All heavy atoms as atom14 arrays in JSON, in Angstrom:
{
  "sequence": "NLSRLLQCQVEDVRLPQLTPPRELVGVIGMNSFGSLLWPRDRPI",
  "atom14_mask": [
    [1, 1, 1, 1, 1, 1, 1, 1, 0, 0, 0, 0, 0, 0],
    [1, 1, 1, 1, 1, 1, 1, 1, 0, 0, 0, 0, 0, 0],
    [1, 1, 1, 1, 1, 1, 0, 0, 0, 0, 0, 0, 0, 0],
    [1, 1, 1, 1, 1, 1, 1, 1, 1, 1, 1, 0, 0, 0],
    [1, 1, 1, 1, 1, 1, 1, 1, 0, 0, 0, 0, 0, 0],
    [1, 1, 1, 1, 1, 1, 1, 1, 0, 0, 0, 0, 0, 0],
    [1, 1, 1, 1, 1, 1, 1, 1, 1, 0, 0, 0, 0, 0],
    [1, 1, 1, 1, 1, 1, 0, 0, 0, 0, 0, 0, 0, 0],
    [1, 1, 1, 1, 1, 1, 1, 1, 1, 0, 0, 0, 0, 0],
    [1, 1, 1, 1, 1, 1, 1, 0, 0, 0, 0, 0, 0, 0],
    [1, 1, 1, 1, 1, 1, 1, 1, 1, 0, 0, 0, 0, 0],
    [1, 1, 1, 1, 1, 1, 1, 1, 0, 0, 0, 0, 0, 0],
    [1, 1, 1, 1, 1, 1, 1, 0, 0, 0, 0, 0, 0, 0],
    [1, 1, 1, 1, 1, 1, 1, 1, 1, 1, 1, 0, 0, 0],
    [1, 1, 1, 1, 1, 1, 1, 1, 0, 0, 0, 0, 0, 0],
    [1, 1, 1, 1, 1, 1, 1, 0, 0, 0, 0, 0, 0, 0],
    [1, 1, 1, 1, 1, 1, 1, 1, 1, 0, 0, 0, 0, 0],
    [1, 1, 1, 1, 1, 1, 1, 1, 0, 0, 0, 0, 0, 0],
    [1, 1, 1, 1, 1, 1, 1, 0, 0, 0, 0, 0, 0, 0],
    [1, 1, 1, 1, 1, 1, 1, 0, 0, 0, 0, 0, 0, 0],
    [1, 1, 1, 1, 1, 1, 1, 0, 0, 0, 0, 0, 0, 0],
    [1, 1, 1, 1, 1, 1, 1, 1, 1, 1, 1, 0, 0, 0],
    [1, 1, 1, 1, 1, 1, 1, 1, 1, 0, 0, 0, 0, 0],
    [1, 1, 1, 1, 1, 1, 1, 1, 0, 0, 0, 0, 0, 0],
    [1, 1, 1, 1, 1, 1, 1, 0, 0, 0, 0, 0, 0, 0],
    [1, 1, 1, 1, 0, 0, 0, 0, 0, 0, 0, 0, 0, 0],
    [1, 1, 1, 1, 1, 1, 1, 0, 0, 0, 0, 0, 0, 0],
    [1, 1, 1, 1, 1, 1, 1, 1, 0, 0, 0, 0, 0, 0],
    [1, 1, 1, 1, 0, 0, 0, 0, 0, 0, 0, 0, 0, 0],
    [1, 1, 1, 1, 1, 1, 1, 1, 0, 0, 0, 0, 0, 0],
    [1, 1, 1, 1, 1, 1, 1, 1, 0, 0, 0, 0, 0, 0],
    [1, 1, 1, 1, 1, 1, 0, 0, 0, 0, 0, 0, 0, 0],
    [1, 1, 1, 1, 1, 1, 1, 1, 1, 1, 1, 0, 0, 0],
    [1, 1, 1, 1, 0, 0, 0, 0, 0, 0, 0, 0, 0, 0],
    [1, 1, 1, 1, 1, 1, 0, 0, 0, 0, 0, 0, 0, 0],
    [1, 1, 1, 1, 1, 1, 1, 1, 0, 0, 0, 0, 0, 0],
    [1, 1, 1, 1, 1, 1, 1, 1, 0, 0, 0, 0, 0, 0],
    [1, 1, 1, 1, 1, 1, 1, 1, 1, 1, 1, 1, 1, 1],
    [1, 1, 1, 1, 1, 1, 1, 0, 0, 0, 0, 0, 0, 0],
    [1, 1, 1, 1, 1, 1, 1, 1, 1, 1, 1, 0, 0, 0],
    [1, 1, 1, 1, 1, 1, 1, 1, 0, 0, 0, 0, 0, 0],
    [1, 1, 1, 1, 1, 1, 1, 1, 1, 1, 1, 0, 0, 0],
    [1, 1, 1, 1, 1, 1, 1, 0, 0, 0, 0, 0, 0, 0],
    [1, 1, 1, 1, 1, 1, 1, 1, 0, 0, 0, 0, 0, 0]
  ],
  "atom14_positions": [
    [[25.01, -9.43, 135.85], [23.73, -8.74, 135.73], [23.88, -7.66, 134.65], [24.1, -6.5, 134.94], [23.33, -8.11, 137.06], [21.93, -7.51, 137.03], [21.37, -7.26, 135.96], [21.35, -7.26, 138.19], [0.0, 0.0, 0.0], [0.0, 0.0, 0.0], [0.0, 0.0, 0.0], [0.0, 0.0, 0.0], [0.0, 0.0, 0.0], [0.0, 0.0, 0.0]],
    [[23.77, -8.09, 133.4], [24.01, -7.17, 132.28], [22.96, -6.07, 132.2], [23.19, -5.03, 131.58], [24.06, -7.96, 130.97], [25.29, -8.87, 130.81], [25.16, -9.68, 129.53], [26.58, -8.07, 130.8], [0.0, 0.0, 0.0], [0.0, 0.0, 0.0], [0.0, 0.0, 0.0], [0.0, 0.0, 0.0], [0.0, 0.0, 0.0], [0.0, 0.0, 0.0]],
    [[21.8, -6.26, 132.82], [20.77, -5.23, 132.77], [21.23, -3.95, 133.47], [20.66, -2.87, 133.23], [19.47, -5.72, 133.42], [19.56, -5.72, 134.84], [0.0, 0.0, 0.0], [0.0, 0.0, 0.0], [0.0, 0.0, 0.0], [0.0, 0.0, 0.0], [0.0, 0.0, 0.0], [0.0, 0.0, 0.0], [0.0, 0.0, 0.0], [0.0, 0.0, 0.0]],
    [[22.24, -4.03, 134.32], [22.71, -2.84, 135.01], [23.24, -1.8, 134.03], [23.18, -0.6, 134.3], [23.79, -3.22, 136.03], [23.22, -3.93, 137.25], [24.31, -4.33, 138.22], [23.73, -4.88, 139.44], [24.44, -5.41, 140.42], [25.76, -5.48, 140.32], [23.85, -5.87, 141.5], [0.0, 0.0, 0.0], [0.0, 0.0, 0.0], [0.0, 0.0, 0.0]],
    [[23.79, -2.25, 132.91], [24.26, -1.29, 131.91], [23.12, -0.45, 131.38], [23.22, 0.78, 131.26], [24.95, -2.03, 130.77], [26.34, -2.62, 131.07], [26.78, -3.56, 129.96], [27.36, -1.5, 131.26], [0.0, 0.0, 0.0], [0.0, 0.0, 0.0], [0.0, 0.0, 0.0], [0.0, 0.0, 0.0], [0.0, 0.0, 0.0], [0.0, 0.0, 0.0]],
    [[21.99, -1.11, 131.05], [20.83, -0.36, 130.56], [20.25, 0.54, 131.65], [19.87, 1.68, 131.39], [19.76, -1.34, 130.07], [19.85, -1.83, 128.63], [18.79, -2.88, 128.37], [19.72, -0.69, 127.64], [0.0, 0.0, 0.0], [0.0, 0.0, 0.0], [0.0, 0.0, 0.0], [0.0, 0.0, 0.0], [0.0, 0.0, 0.0], [0.0, 0.0, 0.0]],
    [[20.19, 0.02, 132.87], [19.62, 0.82, 133.95], [20.44, 2.09, 134.2], [19.88, 3.16, 134.42], [19.56, -0.01, 135.23], [18.6, -1.19, 135.15], [18.51, -1.95, 136.45], [18.14, -1.4, 137.48], [18.87, -3.22, 136.42], [0.0, 0.0, 0.0], [0.0, 0.0, 0.0], [0.0, 0.0, 0.0], [0.0, 0.0, 0.0], [0.0, 0.0, 0.0]],
    [[21.76, 1.96, 134.15], [22.6, 3.12, 134.41], [22.58, 4.1, 133.25], [22.78, 5.31, 133.45], [24.03, 2.67, 134.71], [24.15, 1.84, 136.32], [0.0, 0.0, 0.0], [0.0, 0.0, 0.0], [0.0, 0.0, 0.0], [0.0, 0.0, 0.0], [0.0, 0.0, 0.0], [0.0, 0.0, 0.0], [0.0, 0.0, 0.0], [0.0, 0.0, 0.0]],
    [[22.33, 3.63, 132.04], [22.22, 4.55, 130.91], [20.98, 5.43, 131.04], [20.93, 6.54, 130.47], [22.19, 3.77, 129.59], [22.35, 4.68, 128.37], [22.15, 3.94, 127.05], [21.96, 2.72, 127.03], [22.17, 4.67, 125.96], [0.0, 0.0, 0.0], [0.0, 0.0, 0.0], [0.0, 0.0, 0.0], [0.0, 0.0, 0.0], [0.0, 0.0, 0.0]],
    [[19.98, 4.98, 131.79], [18.77, 5.78, 131.99], [19.11, 7.14, 132.59], [18.39, 8.13, 132.35], [17.76, 5.01, 132.88], [16.59, 5.89, 133.29], [17.24, 3.77, 132.15], [0.0, 0.0, 0.0], [0.0, 0.0, 0.0], [0.0, 0.0, 0.0], [0.0, 0.0, 0.0], [0.0, 0.0, 0.0], [0.0, 0.0, 0.0], [0.0, 0.0, 0.0]],
    [[20.21, 7.22, 133.35], [20.63, 8.5, 133.93], [20.84, 9.55, 132.85], [20.63, 10.75, 133.09], [21.93, 8.29, 134.71], [22.52, 9.53, 135.33], [21.71, 10.06, 136.51], [20.91, 9.28, 137.07], [21.86, 11.24, 136.85], [0.0, 0.0, 0.0], [0.0, 0.0, 0.0], [0.0, 0.0, 0.0], [0.0, 0.0, 0.0], [0.0, 0.0, 0.0]],
    [[21.23, 9.13, 131.64], [21.49, 10.06, 130.54], [20.31, 10.22, 129.6], [20.44, 10.83, 128.53], [22.72, 9.59, 129.74], [23.98, 9.53, 130.57], [24.08, 10.33, 131.54], [24.86, 8.72, 130.28], [0.0, 0.0, 0.0], [0.0, 0.0, 0.0], [0.0, 0.0, 0.0], [0.0, 0.0, 0.0], [0.0, 0.0, 0.0], [0.0, 0.0, 0.0]],
    [[19.16, 9.65, 129.94], [17.99, 9.67, 129.07], [16.9, 10.53, 129.7], [16.59, 10.39, 130.89], [17.45, 8.23, 128.84], [16.17, 8.27, 128.01], [18.5, 7.38, 128.14], [0.0, 0.0, 0.0], [0.0, 0.0, 0.0], [0.0, 0.0, 0.0], [0.0, 0.0, 0.0], [0.0, 0.0, 0.0], [0.0, 0.0, 0.0], [0.0, 0.0, 0.0]],
    [[16.33, 11.41, 128.92], [15.24, 12.26, 129.4], [13.92, 11.57, 129.12], [13.43, 11.55, 127.99], [15.29, 13.63, 128.72], [14.32, 14.63, 129.3], [14.6, 16.02, 128.79], [13.74, 17.02, 129.42], [13.86, 18.31, 129.23], [14.81, 18.79, 128.43], [13.05, 19.15, 129.84], [0.0, 0.0, 0.0], [0.0, 0.0, 0.0], [0.0, 0.0, 0.0]],
    [[13.34, 11.01, 130.17], [12.08, 10.29, 130.02], [10.91, 11.26, 130.0], [10.9, 12.24, 130.76], [11.9, 9.29, 131.17], [12.95, 8.18, 131.28], [12.72, 7.39, 132.55], [12.9, 7.27, 130.06], [0.0, 0.0, 0.0], [0.0, 0.0, 0.0], [0.0, 0.0, 0.0], [0.0, 0.0, 0.0], [0.0, 0.0, 0.0], [0.0, 0.0, 0.0]],
    [[9.91, 11.0, 129.16], [8.73, 11.88, 129.15], [7.92, 11.71, 130.43], [7.91, 10.64, 131.05], [7.95, 11.39, 127.93], [8.39, 9.98, 127.72], [9.82, 9.92, 128.15], [0.0, 0.0, 0.0], [0.0, 0.0, 0.0], [0.0, 0.0, 0.0], [0.0, 0.0, 0.0], [0.0, 0.0, 0.0], [0.0, 0.0, 0.0], [0.0, 0.0, 0.0]],
    [[7.28, 12.76, 130.85], [6.4, 12.71, 132.02], [5.03, 12.22, 131.59], [4.31, 12.9, 130.87], [6.3, 14.1, 132.67], [7.61, 14.6, 133.26], [8.09, 13.74, 134.42], [7.29, 13.32, 135.26], [9.38, 13.47, 134.46], [0.0, 0.0, 0.0], [0.0, 0.0, 0.0], [0.0, 0.0, 0.0], [0.0, 0.0, 0.0], [0.0, 0.0, 0.0]],
    [[4.68, 11.02, 132.01], [3.41, 10.42, 131.61], [2.54, 10.18, 132.83], [3.04, 9.85, 133.92], [3.65, 9.09, 130.89], [4.49, 9.14, 129.6], [4.67, 7.74, 129.04], [3.83, 10.03, 128.57], [0.0, 0.0, 0.0], [0.0, 0.0, 0.0], [0.0, 0.0, 0.0], [0.0, 0.0, 0.0], [0.0, 0.0, 0.0], [0.0, 0.0, 0.0]],
    [[1.24, 10.32, 132.64], [0.27, 9.97, 133.69], [-0.16, 8.53, 133.47], [-0.51, 8.14, 132.35], [-0.96, 10.89, 133.61], [-0.52, 12.24, 133.77], [-1.95, 10.55, 134.7], [0.0, 0.0, 0.0], [0.0, 0.0, 0.0], [0.0, 0.0, 0.0], [0.0, 0.0, 0.0], [0.0, 0.0, 0.0], [0.0, 0.0, 0.0], [0.0, 0.0, 0.0]],
    [[-0.13, 7.69, 134.5], [-0.56, 6.29, 134.32], [-1.97, 6.25, 133.74], [-2.84, 7.04, 134.13], [-0.52, 5.73, 135.75], [0.46, 6.59, 136.47], [0.32, 7.96, 135.88], [0.0, 0.0, 0.0], [0.0, 0.0, 0.0], [0.0, 0.0, 0.0], [0.0, 0.0, 0.0], [0.0, 0.0, 0.0], [0.0, 0.0, 0.0], [0.0, 0.0, 0.0]],
    [[-2.24, 5.36, 132.81], [-3.59, 5.27, 132.22], [-4.64, 5.02, 133.29], [-4.45, 4.17, 134.18], [-3.47, 4.07, 131.26], [-2.0, 3.93, 130.99], [-1.31, 4.37, 132.23], [0.0, 0.0, 0.0], [0.0, 0.0, 0.0], [0.0, 0.0, 0.0], [0.0, 0.0, 0.0], [0.0, 0.0, 0.0], [0.0, 0.0, 0.0], [0.0, 0.0, 0.0]],
    [[-5.72, 5.75, 133.24], [-6.74, 5.65, 134.28], [-7.42, 4.28, 134.27], [-7.96, 3.84, 135.3], [-7.79, 6.75, 134.13], [-8.52, 6.75, 132.79], [-9.52, 7.9, 132.69], [-10.22, 7.92, 131.42], [-9.76, 8.53, 130.34], [-8.6, 9.16, 130.38], [-10.44, 8.5, 129.2], [0.0, 0.0, 0.0], [0.0, 0.0, 0.0], [0.0, 0.0, 0.0]],
    [[-7.41, 3.6, 133.13], [-8.05, 2.29, 133.04], [-7.11, 1.13, 133.39], [-7.5, -0.04, 133.32], [-8.64, 2.07, 131.64], [-7.61, 2.02, 130.5], [-7.31, 3.38, 129.88], [-7.29, 4.38, 130.62], [-7.1, 3.42, 128.66], [0.0, 0.0, 0.0], [0.0, 0.0, 0.0], [0.0, 0.0, 0.0], [0.0, 0.0, 0.0], [0.0, 0.0, 0.0]],
    [[-5.87, 1.44, 133.79], [-4.87, 0.4, 134.08], [-5.26, -0.38, 135.33], [-5.54, 0.22, 136.38], [-3.5, 1.05, 134.27], [-2.32, 0.1, 134.53], [-2.05, -0.74, 133.29], [-1.07, 0.88, 134.92], [0.0, 0.0, 0.0], [0.0, 0.0, 0.0], [0.0, 0.0, 0.0], [0.0, 0.0, 0.0], [0.0, 0.0, 0.0], [0.0, 0.0, 0.0]],
    [[-5.23, -1.73, 135.22], [-5.56, -2.58, 136.37], [-4.45, -3.57, 136.71], [-4.53, -4.25, 137.73], [-6.87, -3.35, 136.15], [-8.05, -2.39, 136.03], [-6.78, -4.27, 134.94], [0.0, 0.0, 0.0], [0.0, 0.0, 0.0], [0.0, 0.0, 0.0], [0.0, 0.0, 0.0], [0.0, 0.0, 0.0], [0.0, 0.0, 0.0], [0.0, 0.0, 0.0]],
    [[-3.41, -3.68, 135.87], [-2.36, -4.65, 136.16], [-1.18, -4.5, 135.23], [-1.3, -3.92, 134.13], [0.0, 0.0, 0.0], [0.0, 0.0, 0.0], [0.0, 0.0, 0.0], [0.0, 0.0, 0.0], [0.0, 0.0, 0.0], [0.0, 0.0, 0.0], [0.0, 0.0, 0.0], [0.0, 0.0, 0.0], [0.0, 0.0, 0.0], [0.0, 0.0, 0.0]],
    [[-0.02, -5.02, 135.67], [1.21, -5.02, 134.88], [1.81, -6.42, 134.92], [1.85, -7.07, 135.98], [2.23, -4.0, 135.43], [3.57, -4.13, 134.7], [1.71, -2.58, 135.3], [0.0, 0.0, 0.0], [0.0, 0.0, 0.0], [0.0, 0.0, 0.0], [0.0, 0.0, 0.0], [0.0, 0.0, 0.0], [0.0, 0.0, 0.0], [0.0, 0.0, 0.0]],
    [[2.27, -6.89, 133.74], [2.94, -8.19, 133.65], [4.34, -7.94, 133.1], [4.49, -7.32, 132.04], [2.18, -9.15, 132.71], [0.76, -9.38, 133.23], [2.91, -10.48, 132.58], [-0.13, -10.13, 132.24], [0.0, 0.0, 0.0], [0.0, 0.0, 0.0], [0.0, 0.0, 0.0], [0.0, 0.0, 0.0], [0.0, 0.0, 0.0], [0.0, 0.0, 0.0]],
    [[5.36, -8.43, 133.8], [6.73, -8.26, 133.34], [7.46, -9.58, 133.28], [7.7, -10.2, 134.31], [0.0, 0.0, 0.0], [0.0, 0.0, 0.0], [0.0, 0.0, 0.0], [0.0, 0.0, 0.0], [0.0, 0.0, 0.0], [0.0, 0.0, 0.0], [0.0, 0.0, 0.0], [0.0, 0.0, 0.0], [0.0, 0.0, 0.0], [0.0, 0.0, 0.0]],
    [[7.81, -10.02, 132.07], [8.66, -11.2, 131.91], [10.12, -10.77, 131.93], [10.51, -9.86, 131.2], [8.37, -11.91, 130.57], [7.05, -12.61, 130.49], [6.92, -13.44, 128.87], [5.3, -14.2, 129.04], [0.0, 0.0, 0.0], [0.0, 0.0, 0.0], [0.0, 0.0, 0.0], [0.0, 0.0, 0.0], [0.0, 0.0, 0.0], [0.0, 0.0, 0.0]],
    [[10.92, -11.42, 132.77], [12.36, -11.12, 132.86], [12.58, -9.62, 133.01], [13.4, -9.01, 132.33], [13.11, -11.67, 131.64], [12.9, -13.16, 131.46], [12.01, -13.57, 130.73], [13.69, -13.95, 132.14], [0.0, 0.0, 0.0], [0.0, 0.0, 0.0], [0.0, 0.0, 0.0], [0.0, 0.0, 0.0], [0.0, 0.0, 0.0], [0.0, 0.0, 0.0]],
    [[11.82, -9.04, 133.92], [11.87, -7.61, 134.14], [13.13, -7.23, 134.92], [13.8, -8.08, 135.5], [10.62, -7.17, 134.91], [10.48, -7.97, 136.06], [0.0, 0.0, 0.0], [0.0, 0.0, 0.0], [0.0, 0.0, 0.0], [0.0, 0.0, 0.0], [0.0, 0.0, 0.0], [0.0, 0.0, 0.0], [0.0, 0.0, 0.0], [0.0, 0.0, 0.0]],
    [[13.43, -5.93, 134.96], [14.58, -5.45, 135.71], [14.34, -4.02, 136.16], [13.45, -3.35, 135.67], [15.87, -5.57, 134.89], [15.87, -4.79, 133.6], [16.36, -3.5, 133.55], [15.39, -5.36, 132.41], [16.38, -2.78, 132.35], [15.4, -4.66, 131.22], [15.9, -3.36, 131.19], [0.0, 0.0, 0.0], [0.0, 0.0, 0.0], [0.0, 0.0, 0.0]],
    [[15.16, -3.56, 137.11], [15.01, -2.2, 137.63], [15.5, -2.04, 139.05], [15.12, -1.09, 139.74], [0.0, 0.0, 0.0], [0.0, 0.0, 0.0], [0.0, 0.0, 0.0], [0.0, 0.0, 0.0], [0.0, 0.0, 0.0], [0.0, 0.0, 0.0], [0.0, 0.0, 0.0], [0.0, 0.0, 0.0], [0.0, 0.0, 0.0], [0.0, 0.0, 0.0]],
    [[16.38, -2.94, 139.52], [16.83, -2.9, 140.92], [17.62, -1.64, 141.23], [17.62, -1.19, 142.38], [17.68, -4.13, 141.24], [18.82, -4.2, 140.39], [0.0, 0.0, 0.0], [0.0, 0.0, 0.0], [0.0, 0.0, 0.0], [0.0, 0.0, 0.0], [0.0, 0.0, 0.0], [0.0, 0.0, 0.0], [0.0, 0.0, 0.0], [0.0, 0.0, 0.0]],
    [[18.31, -1.05, 140.25], [19.02, 0.19, 140.47], [18.1, 1.4, 140.34], [18.31, 2.44, 140.98], [20.19, 0.33, 139.49], [21.32, -0.69, 139.65], [22.37, -0.5, 138.56], [21.96, -0.6, 141.02], [0.0, 0.0, 0.0], [0.0, 0.0, 0.0], [0.0, 0.0, 0.0], [0.0, 0.0, 0.0], [0.0, 0.0, 0.0], [0.0, 0.0, 0.0]],
    [[17.08, 1.27, 139.52], [16.12, 2.36, 139.37], [15.22, 2.48, 140.6], [14.87, 3.58, 141.02], [15.25, 2.12, 138.13], [15.99, 1.97, 136.8], [15.02, 1.61, 135.69], [16.73, 3.25, 136.45], [0.0, 0.0, 0.0], [0.0, 0.0, 0.0], [0.0, 0.0, 0.0], [0.0, 0.0, 0.0], [0.0, 0.0, 0.0], [0.0, 0.0, 0.0]],
    [[14.87, 1.31, 141.17], [13.97, 1.28, 142.32], [14.55, 0.35, 143.38], [14.14, -0.81, 143.49], [12.58, 0.79, 141.9], [12.0, 1.58, 140.77], [11.56, 2.87, 140.84], [11.8, 1.15, 139.42], [11.1, 3.27, 139.61], [11.24, 2.24, 138.72], [12.04, -0.03, 138.73], [10.91, 2.17, 137.37], [11.72, -0.11, 137.4], [11.17, 0.98, 136.72]],
    [[15.49, 0.83, 144.19], [16.09, -0.04, 145.22], [15.08, -0.43, 146.29], [14.1, 0.28, 146.56], [17.21, 0.84, 145.81], [16.82, 2.24, 145.48], [16.06, 2.19, 144.18], [0.0, 0.0, 0.0], [0.0, 0.0, 0.0], [0.0, 0.0, 0.0], [0.0, 0.0, 0.0], [0.0, 0.0, 0.0], [0.0, 0.0, 0.0], [0.0, 0.0, 0.0]],
    [[15.32, -1.59, 146.88], [14.38, -2.15, 147.86], [14.19, -1.27, 149.08], [13.13, -1.26, 149.69], [14.87, -3.53, 148.32], [14.33, -4.69, 147.52], [14.92, -5.97, 148.05], [16.11, -6.35, 147.29], [17.01, -7.22, 147.69], [16.88, -7.77, 148.88], [18.02, -7.53, 146.93], [0.0, 0.0, 0.0], [0.0, 0.0, 0.0], [0.0, 0.0, 0.0]],
    [[15.26, -0.55, 149.46], [15.17, 0.26, 150.67], [14.45, 1.58, 150.44], [14.25, 2.36, 151.38], [16.56, 0.52, 151.25], [17.47, 1.24, 150.27], [17.12, 1.33, 149.08], [18.54, 1.71, 150.7], [0.0, 0.0, 0.0], [0.0, 0.0, 0.0], [0.0, 0.0, 0.0], [0.0, 0.0, 0.0], [0.0, 0.0, 0.0], [0.0, 0.0, 0.0]],
    [[14.05, 1.85, 149.18], [13.32, 3.08, 148.89], [12.16, 2.73, 147.96], [12.14, 3.09, 146.79], [14.23, 4.11, 148.24], [15.41, 4.52, 149.13], [16.24, 5.6, 148.46], [15.46, 6.81, 148.24], [15.91, 7.87, 147.57], [17.12, 7.85, 147.04], [15.15, 8.94, 147.42], [0.0, 0.0, 0.0], [0.0, 0.0, 0.0], [0.0, 0.0, 0.0]],
    [[11.17, 1.99, 148.47], [10.08, 1.52, 147.61], [9.25, 2.66, 147.06], [9.14, 3.73, 147.64], [9.25, 0.64, 148.55], [9.57, 1.15, 149.92], [10.98, 1.61, 149.88], [0.0, 0.0, 0.0], [0.0, 0.0, 0.0], [0.0, 0.0, 0.0], [0.0, 0.0, 0.0], [0.0, 0.0, 0.0], [0.0, 0.0, 0.0], [0.0, 0.0, 0.0]],
    [[8.66, 2.4, 145.91], [7.79, 3.37, 145.26], [6.46, 2.66, 144.95], [6.43, 1.5, 144.54], [8.44, 3.92, 143.96], [7.53, 4.95, 143.3], [8.81, 2.82, 143.0], [8.2, 5.69, 142.16], [0.0, 0.0, 0.0], [0.0, 0.0, 0.0], [0.0, 0.0, 0.0], [0.0, 0.0, 0.0], [0.0, 0.0, 0.0], [0.0, 0.0, 0.0]]
  ]
}
């Protein structure tokens, strides 16, 4: 699972604080990843 390298590097990245677009109605992710960012036992 090579995506884990990118996910763990996020710890060292300062992400901007963004408000979700008010007109947003859906998200499509091809070959998406994020299991370490959002573990199943702590849903968001």
